[in-house]
Amino acid sequence: MEYFLSITVTTLSTAFIALLMLRPLSTRLGFVDIPNARTVHHGHVPNIGGLSVYLGMLAPVLFMNVDWQYQGLYILGVSIMVLTGALDDLKELSAKSRLLVQAAVSLLMLMLAQYPVSYLGEFPILGSFNIGGLGYVVGVFAIIGSINAFNMIDGIDGLAGSVALIALAQICLLLFIRGNTDLCLLALIVIVALIPYLILNLGLWPFERKVFMGDAGVMFVGFTIAWLLINATQSPSRYISPISAFWIISLPFMDILEVIRTRLKQGKSPFQADRQHIHHFFLNAGLPAKHALVAVLILATSTSGLGLALELIGAKEWIMVLMFIVLNAAYFQVKPHLWKLFKRWAVHTYPNDH
């Protein structure tokens, strides 16, 4: 208990101090978010939230008694990702440059850890489905997909951080139940490090000066969640089934697939900023940003919670796969009409409150 308390205090205090110190420097250094077609806020807002979360995580991890072959690789990979995100916040790197770095770092990490995403589950007739060396390619796409899913959903206050918090909490719970305390502790540290950022991001009293996560932040949470899930699903002990990894991040996963499908159908680039994400549907329907946040979090908790329940009761993996396919198909059909379920919260017709 004392060990847990010391880690919690160290993480919280480091993250808070980092926020308070970095915020006054953000404008001078250029770490500010400028409104674009995807976001709906006004004015330049410091986007150093992700850096504070990273520093909050780093402080206790550096002083923990850990296996450095295991945790050291994570710190190496996430540090490169955060640095790339920070450069993107400053210089606005091209999508091709970001993807190149993400792919190179992901492949390097998977090869050093010797954790290709090769085991895909147990299925009737097929038995244990293993794709061998192709797992490195799948792993790279999984990490890139996770990073960009959280990047694309980061459009209103508290959304990316809260969805990440939900995913990390479920990962932490499953790992705790299955006995992997090392990975569970890492997930818990990141959860604690996110709390100070969310307090400022949501403008909660008395910290009413807003900050954003920034690309450094979405690179951090996207990579961290993917790294935890890959380790949990591909280790010999297989603490979590591979399909459960998709359920845990089901809403960001479904949203990025549906948005990319829509953009390609309209002849647009998959990376072109627009207002096609799930939170934009609620905002365009007239919901205040905070109500839209609650609506999206209800959906995220419901879909991932269903997957968590299936994992805990020991549902067959092929059943979970079929249910996930059905969920995706339903989401594609229902998404344009979801706002009607929450329209009673709407108080205006134009989303100006972010």
Protein backbone atom coordinates (compact mmCIF):
# COMPACT_ATOMS: atom_id res chain seq x y z
CA MET A 1 0.00 0.00 0.00
CA GLU A 2 2.83 2.39 0.83
CA TYR A 3 4.53 1.56 -2.47
CA PHE A 4 1.31 2.25 -4.42
CA LEU A 5 0.75 5.50 -2.53
CA SER A 6 4.27 6.75 -3.23
CA ILE A 7 3.89 6.01 -6.94
CA THR A 8 0.51 7.78 -7.05
CA VAL A 9 1.81 10.87 -5.25
CA THR A 10 4.93 11.00 -7.44
CA THR A 11 2.91 10.69 -10.65
CA LEU A 12 0.25 13.24 -9.67
CA SER A 13 2.69 15.81 -8.36
CA THR A 14 5.03 15.50 -11.35
CA ALA A 15 2.16 15.83 -13.84
CA PHE A 16 0.70 18.85 -12.03
CA ILE A 17 4.08 20.59 -11.69
CA ALA A 18 4.80 19.93 -15.38
CA LEU A 19 1.48 21.53 -16.35
CA LEU A 20 2.03 24.57 -14.17
CA MET A 21 5.59 25.04 -15.42
CA LEU A 22 5.01 24.35 -19.11
CA ARG A 23 1.83 26.39 -19.51
CA PRO A 24 3.47 29.83 -19.14
CA LEU A 25 6.19 28.74 -21.61
CA SER A 26 3.81 27.32 -24.21
CA THR A 27 3.19 30.55 -26.17
CA ARG A 28 6.87 31.52 -26.14
CA LEU A 29 7.90 28.06 -27.38
CA GLY A 30 5.06 27.74 -29.88
CA PHE A 31 3.15 24.93 -28.18
CA VAL A 32 -0.33 26.30 -28.92
CA ASP A 33 -3.26 24.78 -30.77
CA ILE A 34 -4.67 26.78 -33.68
CA PRO A 35 -8.33 26.08 -34.64
CA ASN A 36 -8.87 24.08 -37.83
CA ALA A 37 -11.66 22.27 -39.67
CA ARG A 38 -11.64 19.38 -37.18
CA THR A 39 -11.70 21.33 -33.92
CA VAL A 40 -14.34 23.75 -32.69
CA HIS A 41 -12.52 25.87 -30.13
CA HIS A 42 -11.63 29.54 -30.40
CA GLY A 43 -8.24 31.16 -29.85
CA HIS A 44 -4.82 29.66 -29.27
CA VAL A 45 -4.74 27.13 -26.42
CA PRO A 46 -1.54 25.62 -24.94
CA ASN A 47 -1.21 22.01 -26.08
CA ILE A 48 1.27 20.81 -23.49
CA GLY A 49 -1.12 18.40 -21.74
CA GLY A 50 0.40 15.36 -23.38
CA LEU A 51 3.91 16.37 -22.32
CA SER A 52 2.74 16.63 -18.71
CA VAL A 53 1.18 13.15 -18.87
CA TYR A 54 4.41 11.76 -20.33
CA LEU A 55 6.52 13.37 -17.61
CA GLY A 56 4.07 12.22 -14.95
CA MET A 57 4.45 8.63 -16.19
CA LEU A 58 8.20 8.89 -16.56
CA ALA A 59 8.97 9.99 -13.00
CA PRO A 60 7.84 6.83 -11.13
CA VAL A 61 8.77 4.43 -13.93
CA LEU A 62 12.38 5.63 -13.91
CA PHE A 63 12.64 4.91 -10.18
CA MET A 64 10.73 1.61 -10.11
CA ASN A 65 12.44 -1.73 -9.67
CA VAL A 66 11.63 -3.04 -13.15
CA ASP A 67 12.97 -5.37 -15.82
CA TRP A 68 14.66 -2.83 -18.12
CA GLN A 69 14.63 -5.17 -21.09
CA TYR A 70 10.85 -4.98 -20.77
CA GLN A 71 10.07 -1.45 -19.51
CA GLY A 72 13.13 0.13 -21.10
CA LEU A 73 11.85 -0.71 -24.56
CA TYR A 74 8.54 0.96 -23.78
CA ILE A 75 10.25 4.11 -22.52
CA LEU A 76 12.45 4.21 -25.63
CA GLY A 77 9.51 3.83 -28.01
CA VAL A 78 7.11 6.17 -26.26
CA SER A 79 9.81 8.83 -25.89
CA ILE A 80 10.45 8.85 -29.64
CA MET A 81 6.72 9.02 -30.28
CA VAL A 82 6.26 11.93 -27.85
CA LEU A 83 9.23 13.78 -29.38
CA THR A 84 7.72 13.33 -32.85
CA GLY A 85 4.36 14.57 -31.60
CA ALA A 86 5.99 17.58 -29.97
CA LEU A 87 7.74 18.45 -33.24
CA ASP A 88 4.40 18.12 -35.00
CA ASP A 89 2.85 20.51 -32.47
CA LEU A 90 5.61 23.01 -33.24
CA LYS A 91 6.19 22.56 -36.97
CA GLU A 92 3.07 20.70 -38.19
CA LEU A 93 4.77 17.75 -39.85
CA SER A 94 3.25 16.20 -42.96
CA ALA A 95 1.02 13.15 -42.56
CA LYS A 96 3.56 11.12 -44.54
CA SER A 97 6.39 12.09 -42.17
CA ARG A 98 4.34 11.19 -39.09
CA LEU A 99 3.33 7.83 -40.54
CA LEU A 100 6.93 7.04 -41.50
CA VAL A 101 8.17 7.68 -37.98
CA GLN A 102 5.28 5.77 -36.43
CA ALA A 103 5.88 2.77 -38.70
CA ALA A 104 9.65 2.75 -38.15
CA VAL A 105 9.42 3.03 -34.36
CA SER A 106 6.62 0.45 -34.19
CA LEU A 107 8.58 -2.08 -36.23
CA LEU A 108 11.73 -1.48 -34.20
CA MET A 109 9.86 -1.96 -30.93
CA LEU A 110 8.14 -5.14 -32.05
CA MET A 111 11.39 -6.65 -33.31
CA LEU A 112 13.36 -5.76 -30.18
CA ALA A 113 10.60 -7.09 -27.94
CA GLN A 114 10.08 -10.11 -30.23
CA TYR A 115 6.32 -9.61 -29.96
CA PRO A 116 4.80 -9.84 -33.44
CA VAL A 117 1.02 -9.76 -33.45
CA SER A 118 0.93 -13.28 -34.84
CA TYR A 119 -1.51 -15.05 -32.50
CA LEU A 120 -5.05 -14.05 -33.46
CA GLY A 121 -7.08 -16.46 -31.33
CA GLU A 122 -8.68 -19.90 -31.17
CA PHE A 123 -11.30 -20.70 -33.82
CA PRO A 124 -13.33 -23.73 -34.90
CA ILE A 125 -11.62 -25.87 -37.55
CA LEU A 126 -8.62 -23.47 -37.71
CA GLY A 127 -7.63 -24.11 -34.11
CA SER A 128 -4.89 -21.76 -32.88
CA PHE A 129 -4.67 -19.12 -35.60
CA ASN A 130 -1.07 -17.91 -35.94
CA ILE A 131 0.22 -15.87 -38.90
CA GLY A 132 3.92 -16.07 -38.01
CA GLY A 133 6.23 -13.37 -39.36
CA LEU A 134 3.33 -11.44 -40.87
CA GLY A 135 2.57 -10.52 -37.29
CA TYR A 136 5.18 -7.77 -37.45
CA VAL A 137 3.23 -6.09 -40.26
CA VAL A 138 -0.04 -6.52 -38.36
CA GLY A 139 1.61 -5.11 -35.23
CA VAL A 140 2.83 -2.01 -37.05
CA PHE A 141 -0.67 -1.37 -38.42
CA ALA A 142 -2.14 -1.95 -34.95
CA ILE A 143 0.10 0.66 -33.31
CA ILE A 144 -0.36 3.19 -36.12
CA GLY A 145 -4.11 2.58 -36.02
CA SER A 146 -4.29 3.12 -32.26
CA ILE A 147 -2.31 6.37 -32.44
CA ASN A 148 -4.37 7.82 -35.26
CA ALA A 149 -7.68 6.65 -33.79
CA PHE A 150 -7.00 8.71 -30.66
CA ASN A 151 -5.69 11.58 -32.80
CA MET A 152 -8.86 11.71 -34.88
CA ILE A 153 -11.21 11.49 -31.90
CA ASP A 154 -9.41 14.35 -30.12
CA GLY A 155 -11.92 17.06 -31.09
CA ILE A 156 -13.65 18.30 -27.93
CA ASP A 157 -12.50 18.92 -24.38
CA GLY A 158 -11.81 15.78 -22.40
CA LEU A 159 -12.69 13.30 -25.14
CA ALA A 160 -9.38 11.67 -26.11
CA GLY A 161 -8.14 11.68 -22.51
CA SER A 162 -11.38 10.24 -21.13
CA VAL A 163 -11.67 7.52 -23.79
CA ALA A 164 -8.03 6.61 -23.10
CA LEU A 165 -8.84 6.51 -19.38
CA ILE A 166 -11.70 4.08 -20.00
CA ALA A 167 -9.49 1.81 -22.12
CA LEU A 168 -6.60 1.91 -19.62
CA ALA A 169 -8.93 1.16 -16.70
CA GLN A 170 -10.26 -1.93 -18.45
CA ILE A 171 -6.76 -3.08 -19.39
CA CYS A 172 -5.62 -2.52 -15.81
CA LEU A 173 -8.57 -4.48 -14.41
CA LEU A 174 -8.05 -7.45 -16.73
CA LEU A 175 -4.31 -7.56 -16.06
CA PHE A 176 -4.88 -7.35 -12.30
CA ILE A 177 -7.39 -10.22 -12.43
CA ARG A 178 -5.04 -12.29 -14.61
CA GLY A 179 -2.03 -11.64 -12.37
CA ASN A 180 0.23 -9.43 -14.53
CA THR A 181 1.08 -6.79 -11.94
CA ASP A 182 3.87 -5.15 -13.98
CA LEU A 183 1.69 -4.22 -16.94
CA CYS A 184 -1.19 -3.42 -14.60
CA LEU A 185 1.00 -0.97 -12.68
CA LEU A 186 2.13 0.75 -15.88
CA ALA A 187 -1.50 1.18 -16.97
CA LEU A 188 -2.36 2.53 -13.52
CA ILE A 189 0.50 5.05 -13.63
CA VAL A 190 -0.71 6.41 -16.97
CA ILE A 191 -4.27 6.65 -15.60
CA VAL A 192 -3.04 8.72 -12.64
CA ALA A 193 -0.88 10.89 -14.94
CA LEU A 194 -3.95 11.68 -17.07
CA ILE A 195 -5.96 13.07 -14.16
CA PRO A 196 -4.20 16.48 -13.80
CA TYR A 197 -4.39 17.00 -17.57
CA LEU A 198 -8.12 16.22 -17.64
CA ILE A 199 -8.77 18.63 -14.77
CA LEU A 200 -7.20 21.50 -16.72
CA ASN A 201 -8.50 20.36 -20.09
CA LEU A 202 -12.07 20.41 -18.79
CA GLY A 203 -11.47 23.73 -16.99
CA LEU A 204 -12.53 22.34 -13.63
CA TRP A 205 -12.35 24.71 -10.66
CA PRO A 206 -9.95 26.06 -9.52
CA PHE A 207 -7.84 25.24 -12.61
CA GLU A 208 -9.86 27.13 -15.21
CA ARG A 209 -7.05 27.87 -17.67
CA LYS A 210 -7.53 25.31 -20.42
CA VAL A 211 -4.81 23.13 -21.98
CA PHE A 212 -4.99 20.61 -24.80
CA MET A 213 -3.33 17.23 -25.19
CA GLY A 214 -1.52 18.06 -28.41
CA ASP A 215 -0.11 15.57 -30.90
CA ALA A 216 2.52 14.58 -28.34
CA GLY A 217 -0.32 13.49 -26.07
CA VAL A 218 -2.28 11.46 -28.61
CA MET A 219 0.96 9.79 -29.75
CA PHE A 220 1.64 8.95 -26.11
CA VAL A 221 -1.75 7.46 -25.23
CA GLY A 222 -2.21 5.72 -28.60
CA PHE A 223 1.19 4.07 -28.45
CA THR A 224 0.89 3.19 -24.75
CA ILE A 225 -2.50 1.50 -25.14
CA ALA A 226 -1.31 -0.43 -28.21
CA TRP A 227 1.89 -1.49 -26.41
CA LEU A 228 -0.04 -2.72 -23.38
CA LEU A 229 -2.52 -4.65 -25.52
CA ILE A 230 0.17 -6.24 -27.70
CA ASN A 231 2.11 -7.38 -24.63
CA ALA A 232 -1.05 -8.67 -22.97
CA THR A 233 -2.31 -10.58 -26.03
CA GLN A 234 0.95 -11.88 -27.52
CA SER A 235 2.94 -12.95 -24.46
CA PRO A 236 3.08 -16.72 -23.80
CA SER A 237 0.67 -16.29 -20.88
CA ARG A 238 -1.89 -14.44 -23.11
CA TYR A 239 -3.50 -12.40 -20.38
CA ILE A 240 -6.11 -10.94 -22.76
CA SER A 241 -7.59 -12.50 -25.91
CA PRO A 242 -6.67 -10.67 -29.15
CA ILE A 243 -10.27 -9.84 -30.03
CA SER A 244 -10.74 -8.22 -26.61
CA ALA A 245 -8.07 -5.70 -27.58
CA PHE A 246 -10.39 -4.47 -30.34
CA TRP A 247 -13.34 -4.35 -27.95
CA ILE A 248 -11.38 -2.26 -25.44
CA ILE A 249 -10.79 0.50 -28.01
CA SER A 250 -13.96 -0.26 -29.96
CA LEU A 251 -15.35 3.28 -30.29
CA PRO A 252 -12.12 4.95 -31.53
CA PHE A 253 -11.55 1.95 -33.81
CA MET A 254 -15.05 2.05 -35.31
CA ASP A 255 -14.99 5.82 -35.65
CA ILE A 256 -11.70 5.92 -37.55
CA LEU A 257 -12.84 3.15 -39.90
CA GLU A 258 -16.16 4.84 -40.60
CA VAL A 259 -14.59 8.27 -41.12
CA ILE A 260 -11.91 6.90 -43.47
CA ARG A 261 -14.60 4.99 -45.40
CA THR A 262 -16.70 8.15 -45.72
CA ARG A 263 -13.76 10.30 -46.80
CA LEU A 264 -12.62 7.82 -49.43
CA LYS A 265 -16.19 7.53 -50.69
CA GLN A 266 -16.26 11.32 -51.06
CA GLY A 267 -12.90 11.31 -52.86
CA LYS A 268 -11.06 12.96 -49.96
CA SER A 269 -7.76 12.11 -48.30
CA PRO A 270 -8.20 9.85 -45.22
CA PHE A 271 -6.17 12.40 -43.27
CA GLN A 272 -8.10 15.50 -44.36
CA ALA A 273 -9.58 17.29 -41.35
CA ASP A 274 -13.35 17.55 -41.39
CA ARG A 275 -16.42 17.22 -39.15
CA GLN A 276 -17.30 13.56 -39.71
CA HIS A 277 -16.43 12.15 -36.27
CA ILE A 278 -18.98 10.89 -33.79
CA HIS A 279 -18.67 13.92 -31.50
CA HIS A 280 -19.32 16.26 -34.45
CA PHE A 281 -22.70 14.60 -35.03
CA PHE A 282 -23.77 15.47 -31.50
CA LEU A 283 -22.37 19.00 -31.74
CA ASN A 284 -24.07 19.63 -35.08
CA ALA A 285 -27.34 18.41 -33.55
CA GLY A 286 -27.12 21.25 -31.03
CA LEU A 287 -25.70 19.55 -27.96
CA PRO A 288 -23.28 21.60 -25.83
CA ALA A 289 -19.73 20.25 -25.94
CA LYS A 290 -19.95 18.85 -22.39
CA HIS A 291 -23.17 17.00 -23.21
CA ALA A 292 -21.61 15.67 -26.42
CA LEU A 293 -18.67 14.47 -24.33
CA VAL A 294 -20.98 12.59 -21.98
CA ALA A 295 -22.88 11.05 -24.91
CA VAL A 296 -19.70 9.77 -26.56
CA LEU A 297 -18.34 8.45 -23.27
CA ILE A 298 -21.59 6.56 -22.68
CA LEU A 299 -21.15 4.91 -26.06
CA ALA A 300 -17.45 4.18 -25.44
CA THR A 301 -18.16 2.66 -22.03
CA SER A 302 -21.07 0.61 -23.36
CA THR A 303 -19.23 -0.95 -26.30
CA SER A 304 -15.96 -1.61 -24.49
CA GLY A 305 -17.86 -2.74 -21.40
CA LEU A 306 -19.65 -5.38 -23.45
CA GLY A 307 -16.30 -6.70 -24.65
CA LEU A 308 -14.97 -6.68 -21.09
CA ALA A 309 -17.95 -8.70 -19.90
CA LEU A 310 -17.50 -11.24 -22.71
CA GLU A 311 -13.81 -11.59 -21.83
CA LEU A 312 -14.52 -12.08 -18.13
CA ILE A 313 -17.19 -14.75 -18.67
CA GLY A 314 -14.87 -16.63 -21.02
CA ALA A 315 -16.87 -16.27 -24.23
CA LYS A 316 -15.53 -18.11 -27.26
CA GLU A 317 -13.27 -15.92 -29.37
CA TRP A 318 -15.14 -16.68 -32.60
CA ILE A 319 -18.35 -15.49 -30.96
CA MET A 320 -16.63 -12.28 -29.85
CA VAL A 321 -15.33 -11.76 -33.40
CA LEU A 322 -18.79 -12.20 -34.91
CA MET A 323 -20.33 -9.87 -32.36
CA PHE A 324 -17.65 -7.26 -33.04
CA ILE A 325 -18.30 -7.44 -36.78
CA VAL A 326 -22.03 -7.01 -36.14
CA LEU A 327 -21.29 -4.06 -33.83
CA ASN A 328 -19.19 -2.36 -36.52
CA ALA A 329 -21.85 -2.90 -39.17
CA ALA A 330 -24.51 -1.52 -36.84
CA TYR A 331 -22.33 1.49 -35.98
CA PHE A 332 -21.87 2.37 -39.64
CA GLN A 333 -25.64 2.31 -40.14
CA VAL A 334 -26.72 3.93 -36.89
CA LYS A 335 -24.04 6.60 -36.39
CA PRO A 336 -25.79 9.30 -38.47
CA HIS A 337 -28.90 8.88 -36.27
CA LEU A 338 -27.30 8.51 -32.83
CA TRP A 339 -27.74 12.19 -32.02
CA LYS A 340 -31.52 11.72 -31.90
CA LEU A 341 -31.15 9.61 -28.76
CA PHE A 342 -29.50 12.55 -26.99
CA LYS A 343 -31.29 15.47 -28.63
CA ARG A 344 -33.23 16.29 -25.46
CA TRP A 345 -29.93 17.67 -24.08
CA ALA A 346 -29.59 20.12 -26.97
CA VAL A 347 -29.87 23.77 -25.99
CA HIS A 348 -28.60 25.58 -29.08
CA THR A 349 -28.06 24.99 -32.78
CA TYR A 350 -24.40 25.82 -33.28
CA PRO A 351 -21.42 24.33 -31.37
CA ASN A 352 -19.64 27.43 -30.16
CA ASP A 353 -18.90 26.38 -26.60
CA HIS A 354 -15.63 24.49 -27.05
